[in-house]
Amino acid sequence: MSTINRKAIRAKVRRRIRRKVSGTASRPRLAVYFSNRHVYAQIIDDVAGKTLCSASTVEKGFEGNGGNCEAAAKIGKLIGERAVAAGITEVVFDRGGNVYHGRVKALAEGAREGGLEF
C-alpha cells in the first residue's frame, strides 16, 4: 500500500498554477501562504520582482488566533486596504496550490471587501 505525499502533490499543483498566473505592474499577483499557525499574503509584481505590499498574522498589531478562517478574513481585508492605499485595485489571485475553500476562500472574500477586484 502506498501513502499519499500531500506536500509533493501541493508543490506540483503550485507549479502548474504559477505557469499560468503571473503578476504585472498593472495587475499584480496576490499570493497567499498558510502555515498551521499563521496566514501570509503578498501583492507581487513579477516583472519587476518586487513585493508591493504584504500582511500577515505575525505582525505586531494583529490580535487573535492566526491559523483560522477568521484570521484569514482579517488578513484579506487588511491586504485589500493596504493595496488600495498603494493605488492597486485589480490583482490576479494565486492560491498557492491550496483548494479554494475554507481559509483560502475567507482570505479572498476579505480582500474583495477591502477593495480588491479579481
C-alpha atoms as a PDB file:
ATOM      1  CA  MET A   1       0.000   0.000   0.000  1.00  0.00           C
ATOM      2  CA  SER A   2       1.431   3.388  -0.992  1.00  0.00           C
ATOM      3  CA  THR A   3       0.985   6.549   1.034  1.00  0.00           C
ATOM      4  CA  ILE A   4      -0.097   9.881  -0.399  1.00  0.00           C
ATOM      5  CA  ASN A   5       2.601  12.550  -0.295  1.00  0.00           C
ATOM      6  CA  ARG A   6       0.367  15.607   0.079  1.00  0.00           C
ATOM      7  CA  LYS A   7       3.303  18.013   0.166  1.00  0.00           C
ATOM      8  CA  ALA A   8       4.524  16.774  -3.225  1.00  0.00           C
ATOM      9  CA  ILE A   9       1.024  16.970  -4.712  1.00  0.00           C
ATOM     10  CA  ARG A  10       0.603  20.567  -3.481  1.00  0.00           C
ATOM     11  CA  ALA A  11       4.023  21.511  -4.891  1.00  0.00           C
ATOM     12  CA  LYS A  12       3.028  20.069  -8.281  1.00  0.00           C
ATOM     13  CA  VAL A  13      -0.282  21.958  -8.298  1.00  0.00           C
ATOM     14  CA  ARG A  14       1.538  25.130  -7.235  1.00  0.00           C
ATOM     15  CA  ARG A  15       3.973  24.861 -10.155  1.00  0.00           C
ATOM     16  CA  ARG A  16       1.064  24.311 -12.545  1.00  0.00           C
ATOM     17  CA  ILE A  17      -0.723  27.425 -11.213  1.00  0.00           C
ATOM     18  CA  ARG A  18       2.435  29.567 -11.410  1.00  0.00           C
ATOM     19  CA  ARG A  19       2.897  28.666 -15.087  1.00  0.00           C
ATOM     20  CA  LYS A  20      -0.430  30.346 -15.794  1.00  0.00           C
ATOM     21  CA  VAL A  21      -0.591  33.105 -13.161  1.00  0.00           C
ATOM     22  CA  SER A  22       1.858  35.995 -13.325  1.00  0.00           C
ATOM     23  CA  GLY A  23       1.664  39.487 -11.887  1.00  0.00           C
ATOM     24  CA  THR A  24       2.404  42.637 -13.871  1.00  0.00           C
ATOM     25  CA  ALA A  25       2.661  46.270 -12.830  1.00  0.00           C
ATOM     26  CA  SER A  26      -0.922  46.945 -13.947  1.00  0.00           C
ATOM     27  CA  ARG A  27      -2.322  43.719 -12.436  1.00  0.00           C
ATOM     28  CA  PRO A  28      -0.038  42.265  -9.727  1.00  0.00           C
ATOM     29  CA  ARG A  29      -0.341  38.820  -8.144  1.00  0.00           C
ATOM     30  CA  LEU A  30      -1.951  38.284  -4.732  1.00  0.00           C
ATOM     31  CA  ALA A  31      -0.014  35.312  -3.340  1.00  0.00           C
ATOM     32  CA  VAL A  32      -1.166  33.552  -0.188  1.00  0.00           C
ATOM     33  CA  TYR A  33       0.602  31.112   2.128  1.00  0.00           C
ATOM     34  CA  PHE A  34      -0.878  29.250   5.062  1.00  0.00           C
ATOM     35  CA  SER A  35       1.099  27.573   7.804  1.00  0.00           C
ATOM     36  CA  ASN A  36      -0.656  25.771  10.647  1.00  0.00           C
ATOM     37  CA  ARG A  37      -0.361  28.824  12.890  1.00  0.00           C
ATOM     38  CA  HIS A  38      -0.279  31.827  10.558  1.00  0.00           C
ATOM     39  CA  VAL A  39      -1.607  33.383   7.366  1.00  0.00           C
ATOM     40  CA  TYR A  40       0.556  35.396   4.959  1.00  0.00           C
ATOM     41  CA  ALA A  41      -0.490  37.464   1.930  1.00  0.00           C
ATOM     42  CA  GLN A  42       1.660  39.463  -0.503  1.00  0.00           C
ATOM     43  CA  ILE A  43       0.952  41.520  -3.586  1.00  0.00           C
ATOM     44  CA  ILE A  44       3.796  40.944  -6.036  1.00  0.00           C
ATOM     45  CA  ASP A  45       4.880  42.494  -9.341  1.00  0.00           C
ATOM     46  CA  ASP A  46       6.607  39.512 -11.008  1.00  0.00           C
ATOM     47  CA  VAL A  47       8.008  41.569 -13.891  1.00  0.00           C
ATOM     48  CA  ALA A  48       9.967  43.850 -11.551  1.00  0.00           C
ATOM     49  CA  GLY A  49      10.428  41.141  -8.910  1.00  0.00           C
ATOM     50  CA  LYS A  50       9.079  43.397  -6.148  1.00  0.00           C
ATOM     51  CA  THR A  51       6.644  42.898  -3.288  1.00  0.00           C
ATOM     52  CA  LEU A  52       4.303  45.896  -3.384  1.00  0.00           C
ATOM     53  CA  CYS A  53       2.552  45.294  -0.045  1.00  0.00           C
ATOM     54  CA  SER A  54       2.026  42.487   2.436  1.00  0.00           C
ATOM     55  CA  ALA A  55       0.058  41.462   5.506  1.00  0.00           C
ATOM     56  CA  SER A  56       0.313  38.554   7.910  1.00  0.00           C
ATOM     57  CA  THR A  57      -0.816  37.339  11.301  1.00  0.00           C
ATOM     58  CA  VAL A  58       2.731  37.571  12.687  1.00  0.00           C
ATOM     59  CA  GLU A  59       2.647  41.378  12.615  1.00  0.00           C
ATOM     60  CA  LYS A  60       2.638  43.161  15.974  1.00  0.00           C
ATOM     61  CA  GLY A  61      -0.767  44.811  15.522  1.00  0.00           C
ATOM     62  CA  PHE A  62      -2.627  41.569  14.829  1.00  0.00           C
ATOM     63  CA  GLU A  63      -4.852  40.235  17.606  1.00  0.00           C
ATOM     64  CA  GLY A  64      -6.372  36.771  17.860  1.00  0.00           C
ATOM     65  CA  ASN A  65      -5.546  33.287  16.666  1.00  0.00           C
ATOM     66  CA  GLY A  66      -3.542  33.285  13.445  1.00  0.00           C
ATOM     67  CA  GLY A  67      -4.491  29.983  11.856  1.00  0.00           C
ATOM     68  CA  ASN A  68      -8.257  30.015  11.372  1.00  0.00           C
ATOM     69  CA  CYS A  69     -10.807  31.337   8.855  1.00  0.00           C
ATOM     70  CA  GLU A  70     -11.498  34.431  10.935  1.00  0.00           C
ATOM     71  CA  ALA A  71      -7.817  35.410  10.862  1.00  0.00           C
ATOM     72  CA  ALA A  72      -7.660  34.746   7.110  1.00  0.00           C
ATOM     73  CA  ALA A  73     -10.637  37.071   6.544  1.00  0.00           C
ATOM     74  CA  LYS A  74      -8.965  39.811   8.638  1.00  0.00           C
ATOM     75  CA  ILE A  75      -5.705  39.472   6.692  1.00  0.00           C
ATOM     76  CA  GLY A  76      -7.627  39.554   3.404  1.00  0.00           C
ATOM     77  CA  LYS A  77      -9.360  42.771   4.383  1.00  0.00           C
ATOM     78  CA  LEU A  78      -6.075  44.263   5.610  1.00  0.00           C
ATOM     79  CA  ILE A  79      -4.182  43.421   2.394  1.00  0.00           C
ATOM     80  CA  GLY A  80      -7.088  44.861   0.387  1.00  0.00           C
ATOM     81  CA  GLU A  81      -6.970  48.140   2.302  1.00  0.00           C
ATOM     82  CA  ARG A  82      -3.167  48.372   2.004  1.00  0.00           C
ATOM     83  CA  ALA A  83      -3.331  47.666  -1.730  1.00  0.00           C
ATOM     84  CA  VAL A  84      -5.968  50.343  -2.326  1.00  0.00           C
ATOM     85  CA  ALA A  85      -3.823  52.798  -0.337  1.00  0.00           C
ATOM     86  CA  ALA A  86      -0.899  51.894  -2.637  1.00  0.00           C
ATOM     87  CA  GLY A  87      -3.067  52.500  -5.726  1.00  0.00           C
ATOM     88  CA  ILE A  88      -3.751  48.852  -6.609  1.00  0.00           C
ATOM     89  CA  THR A  89      -7.337  47.812  -7.331  1.00  0.00           C
ATOM     90  CA  GLU A  90      -7.039  44.775  -9.634  1.00  0.00           C
ATOM     91  CA  VAL A  91      -4.970  41.677  -8.876  1.00  0.00           C
ATOM     92  CA  VAL A  92      -4.540  38.082 -10.025  1.00  0.00           C
ATOM     93  CA  PHE A  93      -5.247  35.587  -7.218  1.00  0.00           C
ATOM     94  CA  ASP A  94      -2.584  32.921  -6.592  1.00  0.00           C
ATOM     95  CA  ARG A  95      -3.993  30.391  -4.129  1.00  0.00           C
ATOM     96  CA  GLY A  96      -0.598  28.720  -3.768  1.00  0.00           C
ATOM     97  CA  GLY A  97      -1.706  25.190  -4.576  1.00  0.00           C
ATOM     98  CA  ASN A  98      -4.411  25.208  -1.910  1.00  0.00           C
ATOM     99  CA  VAL A  99      -8.027  24.331  -2.627  1.00  0.00           C
ATOM    100  CA  TYR A 100     -10.328  27.387  -2.893  1.00  0.00           C
ATOM    101  CA  HIS A 101     -12.178  26.514   0.316  1.00  0.00           C
ATOM    102  CA  GLY A 102     -12.021  27.421   3.992  1.00  0.00           C
ATOM    103  CA  ARG A 103      -9.150  29.773   4.828  1.00  0.00           C
ATOM    104  CA  VAL A 104      -8.316  30.479   1.168  1.00  0.00           C
ATOM    105  CA  LYS A 105     -11.907  31.441   0.398  1.00  0.00           C
ATOM    106  CA  ALA A 106     -12.156  33.551   3.581  1.00  0.00           C
ATOM    107  CA  LEU A 107      -8.989  35.463   2.656  1.00  0.00           C
ATOM    108  CA  ALA A 108     -10.223  36.034  -0.917  1.00  0.00           C
ATOM    109  CA  GLU A 109     -13.605  37.333   0.253  1.00  0.00           C
ATOM    110  CA  GLY A 110     -11.893  39.568   2.815  1.00  0.00           C
ATOM    111  CA  ALA A 111      -9.641  41.012   0.093  1.00  0.00           C
ATOM    112  CA  ARG A 112     -12.710  41.741  -2.027  1.00  0.00           C
ATOM    113  CA  GLU A 113     -14.283  43.523   0.965  1.00  0.00           C
ATOM    114  CA  GLY A 114     -11.062  45.521   1.321  1.00  0.00           C
ATOM    115  CA  GLY A 115     -11.452  46.851  -2.220  1.00  0.00           C
ATOM    116  CA  LEU A 116      -9.570  44.433  -4.492  1.00  0.00           C
ATOM    117  CA  GLU A 117     -11.060  43.027  -7.696  1.00  0.00           C
ATOM    118  CA  PHE A 118     -10.197  39.587  -9.054  1.00  0.00           C
END
